Amino acid sequence: VRPDAPVQLLLTGHMDTVFAADHAFQFFHWIEPGKVLGGPGVADMKGGIAVMLAALKAIEASPERGAIGYEVVINSDEEVGSPGSAALIARAAAGKRAALTYEPAGVPDGTLAGARPGSGNFSFVIKGRSAHAGRNPEDGRNALVAAAELALRLAHSKTPGLNINPARIEGGSPNNVVPDLAILRANFRPLTGDDQAIAERLIADAVEQTATAHKVYIEVHGGFGRPPKPLRPEAEHLFALVKRCGAD
C-alpha cells in the first residue's frame, strides 16, 4: 500500500500454532462469555492479527496516511522456524524504515521483546551397525547410545551466550538387537552472531568426537533459520517509541 510514501513499514505475523492436528486442544470456547475467548492460537496470534488490523484501520483514518506506506506478511510456518517464508520476509523488509511483529508478549506481565536470540533446528541422523545382542554384540555399533552421548555432549557445551536444547531421540530396535539407526533433534539459541559461530563449531566437534568414539556415521541436517537480533541504537529508538505508545 502506497509504495511511494516516504515512510515504509513492514508488519508481520503468523497463522500457525504449536498444536498438532491430532492434539486435544483444537476447539474454541468462551472462558468468559462474550468477553474472553480461548482456543489454539487465540493469543498467538489471532489476537495479534486483530491488533494489526486495528492499527491499519487507524492509519487509513489518519490525515497522515499519505506519508505512510506498508506491506503485510503473514506466514504459516513461524512455529517451525519460518523455513519456507524467511526469504520472502527478508525481501519484504528491504527498504523499510521499521518492521513490527504483532505477536503478543510471552510472559504474564506483558514485557515487550526487543532483542532476541537466534534460533537453529538440527537433526542428527546416526547410522550404526546392527548385530544380535546375545550372539555377536561386539560386531554392532549402537546408534541409540551414540545419539544419547551426542545429546549429552551438546547439552554440556552450552555457554552464557548459547542455549542448547536436545529435544528428542527417535530410533531403537527390539531388545535383542543392537540398534543401527537413531535421530537426535535439537534446538540452538545463540545471543549474538559470534555465539552462532561458536555453536557451529561446537556442533562439528561434538559430531566428530561422537562418531569417532562409537564408530558410527552421523549426518547433520538443518541450520540457523533466524539470526540473533541485538538491540542496536536504531532498534532501541523504535523500542522506546513502541513502549510509549503502549503506555498511552
Protein backbone atom coordinates (compact mmCIF):
# COMPACT_ATOMS: atom_id res chain seq x y z
CA VAL A 1 0.00 0.00 0.00
CA ARG A 2 1.39 3.42 -1.09
CA PRO A 3 4.85 2.16 -2.13
CA ASP A 4 5.96 5.73 -2.92
CA ALA A 5 5.23 7.12 0.57
CA PRO A 6 8.31 8.48 2.37
CA VAL A 7 7.94 6.17 5.39
CA GLN A 8 7.68 2.47 4.58
CA LEU A 9 6.77 -0.11 7.24
CA LEU A 10 6.65 -3.90 7.35
CA LEU A 11 4.02 -5.60 9.53
CA THR A 12 4.43 -9.30 10.18
CA GLY A 13 2.62 -12.12 11.90
CA HIS A 14 1.82 -15.80 11.53
CA MET A 15 -1.21 -18.07 11.35
CA ASP A 16 0.17 -21.40 12.57
CA THR A 17 0.10 -22.68 16.16
CA VAL A 18 2.18 -25.13 18.18
CA PHE A 19 -0.70 -27.61 18.38
CA ALA A 20 -0.64 -30.61 16.06
CA ALA A 21 -3.77 -31.57 14.13
CA ASP A 22 -4.35 -34.55 16.44
CA HIS A 23 -3.83 -32.54 19.66
CA ALA A 24 -6.80 -32.44 22.03
CA PHE A 25 -6.68 -28.63 22.21
CA GLN A 26 -8.40 -27.89 18.90
CA PHE A 27 -11.62 -26.08 19.77
CA PHE A 28 -12.63 -22.54 20.66
CA HIS A 29 -14.62 -21.79 23.80
CA TRP A 30 -15.65 -18.79 25.85
CA ILE A 31 -13.62 -18.51 29.05
CA GLU A 32 -15.80 -15.53 29.97
CA PRO A 33 -18.92 -15.48 27.78
CA GLY A 34 -18.79 -12.62 25.33
CA LYS A 35 -15.50 -11.33 26.76
CA VAL A 36 -12.62 -13.82 26.75
CA LEU A 37 -12.19 -16.43 24.02
CA GLY A 38 -9.93 -19.45 24.45
CA GLY A 39 -8.57 -21.78 21.80
CA PRO A 40 -5.50 -22.76 19.79
CA GLY A 41 -3.70 -19.67 18.54
CA VAL A 42 -6.15 -17.14 20.01
CA ALA A 43 -3.44 -15.01 21.60
CA ASP A 44 -0.54 -16.25 19.47
CA MET A 45 -1.52 -14.99 17.16
CA LYS A 46 -5.09 -14.40 16.08
CA GLY A 47 -5.23 -11.67 18.71
CA GLY A 48 -2.08 -10.10 17.29
CA ILE A 49 -3.53 -10.11 13.77
CA ALA A 50 -6.65 -8.39 15.12
CA VAL A 51 -4.46 -5.69 16.68
CA MET A 52 -2.59 -5.32 13.38
CA LEU A 53 -5.89 -4.83 11.55
CA ALA A 54 -6.95 -2.18 14.08
CA ALA A 55 -3.61 -0.40 13.59
CA LEU A 56 -4.07 -0.39 9.81
CA LYS A 57 -7.60 0.99 10.16
CA ALA A 58 -6.18 3.75 12.36
CA ILE A 59 -3.54 4.58 9.76
CA GLU A 60 -6.11 4.74 6.98
CA ALA A 61 -8.32 7.02 9.09
CA SER A 62 -5.43 9.38 9.86
CA PRO A 63 -4.74 12.58 7.92
CA GLU A 64 -1.08 11.45 7.88
CA ARG A 65 -1.86 8.29 5.92
CA GLY A 66 -0.37 9.68 2.71
CA ALA A 67 3.09 9.70 4.33
CA ILE A 68 2.96 6.07 5.39
CA GLY A 69 3.27 3.04 3.15
CA TYR A 70 3.19 -0.51 4.40
CA GLU A 71 3.49 -4.16 3.48
CA VAL A 72 1.95 -7.04 5.44
CA VAL A 73 3.41 -10.57 5.54
CA ILE A 74 1.55 -13.27 7.49
CA ASN A 75 3.23 -16.66 7.19
CA SER A 76 2.17 -20.19 8.03
CA ASP A 77 5.46 -21.72 9.21
CA GLU A 78 6.69 -19.44 12.01
CA GLU A 79 6.47 -22.01 14.79
CA VAL A 80 8.92 -24.30 12.98
CA GLY A 81 11.40 -21.51 12.22
CA SER A 82 9.91 -19.99 9.03
CA PRO A 83 11.94 -22.25 6.72
CA GLY A 84 9.75 -21.54 3.68
CA SER A 85 9.00 -17.88 4.29
CA ALA A 86 12.26 -16.45 5.66
CA ALA A 87 13.46 -15.37 2.21
CA LEU A 88 10.10 -13.72 1.48
CA ILE A 89 10.21 -11.79 4.77
CA ALA A 90 13.80 -10.69 4.07
CA ARG A 91 12.78 -9.36 0.65
CA ALA A 92 9.79 -7.56 2.15
CA ALA A 93 12.00 -5.94 4.81
CA ALA A 94 14.35 -4.37 2.25
CA GLY A 95 13.94 -0.59 2.15
CA LYS A 96 11.58 -0.42 5.13
CA ARG A 97 12.02 2.19 7.85
CA ALA A 98 10.87 -0.25 10.53
CA ALA A 99 9.34 -3.70 10.97
CA LEU A 100 6.79 -4.60 13.62
CA THR A 101 5.69 -8.11 14.58
CA TYR A 102 2.31 -8.29 16.31
CA GLU A 103 2.93 -11.40 18.36
CA PRO A 104 1.85 -10.82 21.97
CA ALA A 105 4.24 -10.77 24.90
CA GLY A 106 5.04 -14.28 26.06
CA VAL A 107 5.00 -13.52 29.79
CA PRO A 108 2.07 -12.63 32.06
CA ASP A 109 3.28 -9.13 32.91
CA GLY A 110 3.31 -8.10 29.24
CA THR A 111 7.07 -7.49 28.99
CA LEU A 112 7.97 -6.41 25.46
CA ALA A 113 10.54 -8.36 23.46
CA GLY A 114 13.21 -6.18 21.85
CA ALA A 115 16.42 -8.11 21.40
CA ARG A 116 16.07 -11.84 20.91
CA PRO A 117 18.43 -14.74 20.34
CA GLY A 118 18.74 -16.54 17.06
CA SER A 119 17.29 -20.00 16.56
CA GLY A 120 18.54 -23.09 14.78
CA ASN A 121 16.93 -26.51 14.48
CA PHE A 122 19.09 -29.53 13.72
CA SER A 123 18.53 -33.23 13.13
CA PHE A 124 21.44 -35.62 13.64
CA VAL A 125 20.98 -38.95 11.86
CA ILE A 126 23.20 -41.58 13.48
CA LYS A 127 23.88 -44.70 11.45
CA GLY A 128 25.47 -47.63 13.26
CA ARG A 129 25.58 -51.37 12.63
CA SER A 130 23.02 -53.97 13.60
CA ALA A 131 24.04 -57.12 15.47
CA HIS A 132 22.49 -59.72 17.75
CA ALA A 133 22.68 -58.63 21.39
CA GLY A 134 23.44 -62.19 22.52
CA ARG A 135 25.47 -63.85 19.76
CA ASN A 136 27.74 -61.08 18.47
CA PRO A 137 27.12 -57.73 20.20
CA GLU A 138 30.75 -56.74 19.67
CA ASP A 139 30.06 -56.54 15.93
CA GLY A 140 27.37 -53.93 16.45
CA ARG A 141 27.57 -50.15 16.54
CA ASN A 142 24.81 -48.88 18.83
CA ALA A 143 23.29 -45.81 17.19
CA LEU A 144 20.96 -45.15 20.13
CA VAL A 145 23.82 -44.97 22.64
CA ALA A 146 25.75 -42.69 20.27
CA ALA A 147 22.70 -40.41 19.96
CA ALA A 148 22.41 -40.26 23.74
CA GLU A 149 26.09 -39.37 24.10
CA LEU A 150 25.80 -36.72 21.39
CA ALA A 151 22.83 -35.22 23.25
CA LEU A 152 24.89 -35.04 26.44
CA ARG A 153 27.91 -33.56 24.64
CA LEU A 154 25.73 -30.83 23.16
CA ALA A 155 23.89 -30.14 26.43
CA HIS A 156 27.18 -29.78 28.32
CA SER A 157 28.53 -27.42 25.65
CA LYS A 158 26.10 -24.57 26.32
CA THR A 159 27.60 -21.20 27.19
CA PRO A 160 26.24 -17.95 28.70
CA GLY A 161 25.52 -16.81 25.15
CA LEU A 162 24.23 -20.10 23.79
CA ASN A 163 21.33 -22.24 24.98
CA ILE A 164 21.21 -25.80 23.63
CA ASN A 165 18.14 -27.98 23.97
CA PRO A 166 18.42 -31.63 22.88
CA ALA A 167 14.71 -32.25 22.45
CA ARG A 168 14.05 -35.70 21.06
CA ILE A 169 15.66 -39.02 20.20
CA GLU A 170 13.94 -41.38 17.78
CA GLY A 171 15.05 -44.88 16.87
CA GLY A 172 15.80 -48.14 18.57
CA SER A 173 15.20 -51.82 17.91
CA PRO A 174 13.96 -54.97 19.64
CA ASN A 175 15.72 -55.64 22.92
CA ASN A 176 17.85 -58.42 21.44
CA VAL A 177 19.17 -56.33 18.53
CA VAL A 178 21.84 -53.62 18.58
CA PRO A 179 20.06 -50.59 17.03
CA ASP A 180 21.65 -49.31 13.84
CA LEU A 181 19.67 -46.06 13.46
CA ALA A 182 18.75 -43.13 15.71
CA ILE A 183 17.83 -39.50 15.14
CA LEU A 184 18.56 -36.72 17.61
CA ARG A 185 16.73 -33.40 17.25
CA ALA A 186 17.99 -30.27 18.98
CA ASN A 187 17.40 -26.52 19.11
CA PHE A 188 20.15 -23.89 19.48
CA ARG A 189 19.60 -20.28 20.66
CA PRO A 190 22.66 -18.01 20.18
CA LEU A 191 22.53 -14.47 21.60
CA THR A 192 24.89 -12.93 19.04
CA GLY A 193 26.42 -13.69 15.67
CA ASP A 194 29.62 -14.72 17.46
CA ASP A 195 27.62 -17.17 19.58
CA GLN A 196 26.12 -18.65 16.41
CA ALA A 197 29.62 -19.21 15.03
CA ILE A 198 30.57 -20.87 18.34
CA ALA A 199 27.50 -23.10 18.05
CA GLU A 200 28.50 -24.21 14.57
CA ARG A 201 31.97 -25.17 15.82
CA LEU A 202 30.53 -26.98 18.85
CA ILE A 203 28.21 -28.99 16.63
CA ALA A 204 31.05 -30.01 14.32
CA ASP A 205 33.28 -31.00 17.24
CA ALA A 206 30.56 -32.95 19.08
CA VAL A 207 29.62 -34.84 15.92
CA GLU A 208 33.23 -35.73 15.13
CA GLN A 209 34.01 -36.85 18.69
CA THR A 210 30.86 -38.96 18.98
CA ALA A 211 31.30 -40.55 15.56
CA THR A 212 34.91 -41.45 16.39
CA ALA A 213 34.14 -42.77 19.88
CA HIS A 214 31.29 -45.03 18.72
CA LYS A 215 32.49 -45.80 15.18
CA VAL A 216 29.21 -44.58 13.69
CA TYR A 217 28.34 -42.29 10.79
CA ILE A 218 26.44 -39.06 11.59
CA GLU A 219 24.60 -36.90 9.09
CA VAL A 220 23.73 -33.34 10.12
CA HIS A 221 20.60 -31.71 8.73
CA GLY A 222 19.11 -28.29 9.44
CA GLY A 223 20.59 -24.91 10.23
CA PHE A 224 20.00 -21.49 11.75
CA GLY A 225 16.76 -20.13 10.30
CA ARG A 226 16.74 -16.97 12.40
CA PRO A 227 19.88 -14.95 13.13
CA PRO A 228 20.26 -13.21 16.51
CA LYS A 229 18.61 -9.78 16.74
CA PRO A 230 20.53 -7.49 19.11
CA LEU A 231 19.16 -4.08 20.11
CA ARG A 232 21.15 -1.59 18.03
CA PRO A 233 20.64 2.18 18.56
CA GLU A 234 18.00 2.45 15.80
CA ALA A 235 16.12 -0.51 17.25
CA GLU A 236 16.37 0.95 20.76
CA HIS A 237 14.77 4.16 19.47
CA LEU A 238 11.91 2.21 17.89
CA PHE A 239 11.55 0.07 21.01
CA ALA A 240 11.20 3.19 23.19
CA LEU A 241 8.57 4.55 20.80
CA VAL A 242 6.57 1.32 20.98
CA LYS A 243 6.74 1.38 24.80
CA ARG A 244 5.45 4.98 24.87
CA CYS A 245 2.60 4.05 22.53
CA GLY A 246 1.73 1.14 24.81
CA ALA A 247 1.70 3.41 27.85
CA ASP A 248 -0.58 5.88 26.02
